[in-house]
C-alpha atoms as a PDB file:
ATOM      1  CA  MET A   1      42.012  60.890 134.338  1.00  0.00           C
ATOM      2  CA  LYS A   2      44.329  58.366 136.004  1.00  0.00           C
ATOM      3  CA  LYS A   3      41.424  55.964 136.346  1.00  0.00           C
ATOM      4  CA  ILE A   4      40.641  56.255 132.620  1.00  0.00           C
ATOM      5  CA  MET A   5      44.273  55.699 131.670  1.00  0.00           C
ATOM      6  CA  SER A   6      44.580  52.752 134.046  1.00  0.00           C
ATOM      7  CA  GLU A   7      41.495  51.097 132.565  1.00  0.00           C
ATOM      8  CA  TYR A   8      42.788  51.704 129.019  1.00  0.00           C
ATOM      9  CA  ILE A   9      46.129  50.116 129.878  1.00  0.00           C
ATOM     10  CA  ARG A  10      44.388  47.093 131.398  1.00  0.00           C
ATOM     11  CA  THR A  11      41.895  46.505 128.608  1.00  0.00           C
ATOM     12  CA  VAL A  12      43.559  47.723 125.430  1.00  0.00           C
ATOM     13  CA  LEU A  13      47.213  47.125 126.214  1.00  0.00           C
ATOM     14  CA  GLU A  14      46.347  44.027 128.253  1.00  0.00           C
ATOM     15  CA  ILE A  15      48.746  44.909 131.045  1.00  0.00           C
ATOM     16  CA  ASP A  16      47.489  43.695 134.401  1.00  0.00           C
ATOM     17  CA  ASP A  17      50.493  44.465 136.615  1.00  0.00           C
ATOM     18  CA  GLN A  18      49.564  47.463 138.780  1.00  0.00           C
ATOM     19  CA  ASP A  19      53.208  48.461 139.284  1.00  0.00           C
ATOM     20  CA  ILE A  20      53.724  48.671 135.514  1.00  0.00           C
ATOM     21  CA  ILE A  21      50.469  50.587 135.077  1.00  0.00           C
ATOM     22  CA  ASP A  22      51.498  53.052 137.778  1.00  0.00           C
ATOM     23  CA  GLU A  23      54.912  53.485 136.145  1.00  0.00           C
ATOM     24  CA  LEU A  24      53.396  54.125 132.704  1.00  0.00           C
ATOM     25  CA  ILE A  25      51.060  56.750 134.125  1.00  0.00           C
ATOM     26  CA  LYS A  26      53.896  58.328 136.126  1.00  0.00           C
ATOM     27  CA  ASP A  27      56.036  58.529 132.974  1.00  0.00           C
ATOM     28  CA  TYR A  28      53.147  60.067 131.032  1.00  0.00           C
ATOM     29  CA  LEU A  29      52.555  62.698 133.717  1.00  0.00           C
ATOM     30  CA  ALA A  30      56.271  63.529 133.654  1.00  0.00           C
ATOM     31  CA  LEU A  31      56.061  63.940 129.885  1.00  0.00           C
ATOM     32  CA  MET A  32      53.137  66.332 130.302  1.00  0.00           C
ATOM     33  CA  THR A  33      55.079  68.282 132.908  1.00  0.00           C
ATOM     34  CA  GLU A  34      57.965  68.653 130.439  1.00  0.00           C
ATOM     35  CA  SER A  35      55.894  69.202 127.303  1.00  0.00           C
ATOM     36  CA  LEU A  36      53.704  72.073 128.415  1.00  0.00           C
ATOM     37  CA  PRO A  37      56.557  74.505 129.195  1.00  0.00           C
ATOM     38  CA  GLN A  38      58.236  73.532 125.913  1.00  0.00           C
ATOM     39  CA  MET A  39      54.992  74.276 124.057  1.00  0.00           C
ATOM     40  CA  GLU A  40      54.666  77.599 125.876  1.00  0.00           C
ATOM     41  CA  ALA A  41      58.230  78.507 124.905  1.00  0.00           C
ATOM     42  CA  ALA A  42      57.558  77.624 121.256  1.00  0.00           C
ATOM     43  CA  TRP A  43      54.348  79.646 121.400  1.00  0.00           C
ATOM     44  CA  ASP A  44      56.147  82.647 122.929  1.00  0.00           C
ATOM     45  CA  LYS A  45      58.583  82.591 119.983  1.00  0.00           C
ATOM     46  CA  LYS A  46      55.678  82.014 117.552  1.00  0.00           C
ATOM     47  CA  ASP A  47      57.619  78.962 116.371  1.00  0.00           C
ATOM     48  CA  PHE A  48      54.690  77.164 114.776  1.00  0.00           C
ATOM     49  CA  ALA A  49      56.882  74.322 113.470  1.00  0.00           C
ATOM     50  CA  GLU A  50      58.179  73.507 116.957  1.00  0.00           C
ATOM     51  CA  LEU A  51      54.719  73.883 118.477  1.00  0.00           C
ATOM     52  CA  ARG A  52      53.333  71.522 115.836  1.00  0.00           C
ATOM     53  CA  SER A  53      56.071  68.977 116.525  1.00  0.00           C
ATOM     54  CA  LEU A  54      55.506  69.074 120.286  1.00  0.00           C
ATOM     55  CA  ALA A  55      51.718  68.810 119.873  1.00  0.00           C
ATOM     56  CA  HIS A  56      52.182  65.866 117.512  1.00  0.00           C
ATOM     57  CA  ALA A  57      54.397  64.050 120.025  1.00  0.00           C
ATOM     58  CA  LEU A  58      51.947  64.707 122.849  1.00  0.00           C
ATOM     59  CA  LYS A  59      49.077  63.494 120.691  1.00  0.00           C
ATOM     60  CA  GLY A  60      50.835  60.181 120.079  1.00  0.00           C
ATOM     61  CA  CYS A  61      51.817  59.600 123.697  1.00  0.00           C
ATOM     62  CA  SER A  62      48.314  60.478 124.857  1.00  0.00           C
ATOM     63  CA  ALA A  63      46.776  58.062 122.366  1.00  0.00           C
ATOM     64  CA  ASN A  64      49.100  55.302 123.540  1.00  0.00           C
ATOM     65  CA  ILE A  65      48.000  55.624 127.151  1.00  0.00           C
ATOM     66  CA  GLY A  66      44.318  56.399 126.653  1.00  0.00           C
ATOM     67  CA  ALA A  67      44.349  60.069 127.640  1.00  0.00           C
ATOM     68  CA  GLU A  68      41.712  60.904 125.036  1.00  0.00           C
ATOM     69  CA  PRO A  69      40.893  64.498 126.047  1.00  0.00           C
ATOM     70  CA  VAL A  70      44.581  65.418 125.894  1.00  0.00           C
ATOM     71  CA  ARG A  71      45.027  63.528 122.613  1.00  0.00           C
ATOM     72  CA  ALA A  72      42.107  65.320 120.971  1.00  0.00           C
ATOM     73  CA  THR A  73      43.252  68.754 122.117  1.00  0.00           C
ATOM     74  CA  ALA A  74      46.862  68.087 121.103  1.00  0.00           C
ATOM     75  CA  GLU A  75      45.646  67.009 117.665  1.00  0.00           C
ATOM     76  CA  GLN A  76      43.682  70.236 117.296  1.00  0.00           C
ATOM     77  CA  LEU A  77      46.751  72.199 118.399  1.00  0.00           C
ATOM     78  CA  GLN A  78      48.859  70.359 115.854  1.00  0.00           C
ATOM     79  CA  HIS A  79      46.443  71.380 113.084  1.00  0.00           C
ATOM     80  CA  ALA A  80      46.220  74.964 114.352  1.00  0.00           C
ATOM     81  CA  ALA A  81      50.020  75.212 114.340  1.00  0.00           C
ATOM     82  CA  ASP A  82      50.069  73.811 110.791  1.00  0.00           C
ATOM     83  CA  ALA A  83      47.624  76.551 109.810  1.00  0.00           C
ATOM     84  CA  LYS A  84      49.627  79.154 111.763  1.00  0.00           C
ATOM     85  CA  ASP A  85      46.425  80.225 113.499  1.00  0.00           C
ATOM     86  CA  PRO A  86      47.602  82.217 116.532  1.00  0.00           C
ATOM     87  CA  ASP A  87      44.192  82.603 118.178  1.00  0.00           C
ATOM     88  CA  LYS A  88      43.401  78.898 117.938  1.00  0.00           C
ATOM     89  CA  CYS A  89      46.903  77.905 119.120  1.00  0.00           C
ATOM     90  CA  ASN A  90      46.636  80.200 122.121  1.00  0.00           C
ATOM     91  CA  SER A  91      43.196  78.868 123.037  1.00  0.00           C
ATOM     92  CA  LEU A  92      44.173  75.206 122.679  1.00  0.00           C
ATOM     93  CA  LEU A  93      47.400  75.647 124.613  1.00  0.00           C
ATOM     94  CA  ALA A  94      45.381  77.222 127.434  1.00  0.00           C
ATOM     95  CA  GLN A  95      43.008  74.242 127.334  1.00  0.00           C
ATOM     96  CA  LEU A  96      45.904  71.796 127.620  1.00  0.00           C
ATOM     97  CA  LYS A  97      47.366  73.672 130.567  1.00  0.00           C
ATOM     98  CA  ALA A  98      43.997  73.626 132.340  1.00  0.00           C
ATOM     99  CA  MET A  99      43.364  69.892 131.945  1.00  0.00           C
ATOM    100  CA  PRO A 100      43.296  68.035 135.278  1.00  0.00           C
ATOM    101  CA  ILE A 101      45.318  65.066 134.015  1.00  0.00           C
ATOM    102  CA  ASP A 102      46.695  63.995 137.377  1.00  0.00           C
ATOM    103  CA  VAL A 103      43.391  63.437 139.150  1.00  0.00           C
ATOM    104  CA  ASP A 104      41.324  60.308 139.496  1.00  0.00           C
ATOM    105  CA  GLU A 105      37.973  60.487 137.780  1.00  0.00           C
END
């Protein structure tokens, strides 16, 4: 997914400096590393409001960097948390955790 994000940053954000691109992707991956355990903790407490908030934030950051699969799944998780749908939340959280975001495609 790094390749997809890099291309998005170059074309949509019009940033051509590879060091900046690498830093943006590094920051995004750090955010993912922090966000997933926070979402799991909210899920464990069945705190749908917190889960919704975290999914919303991840959705926005993912959209900003071109991580479309993560953005789409985070958006679905946000809606599932709004609906307080435990089965859907559990499934979508598992999908997010399984996404290979740190590999080149």
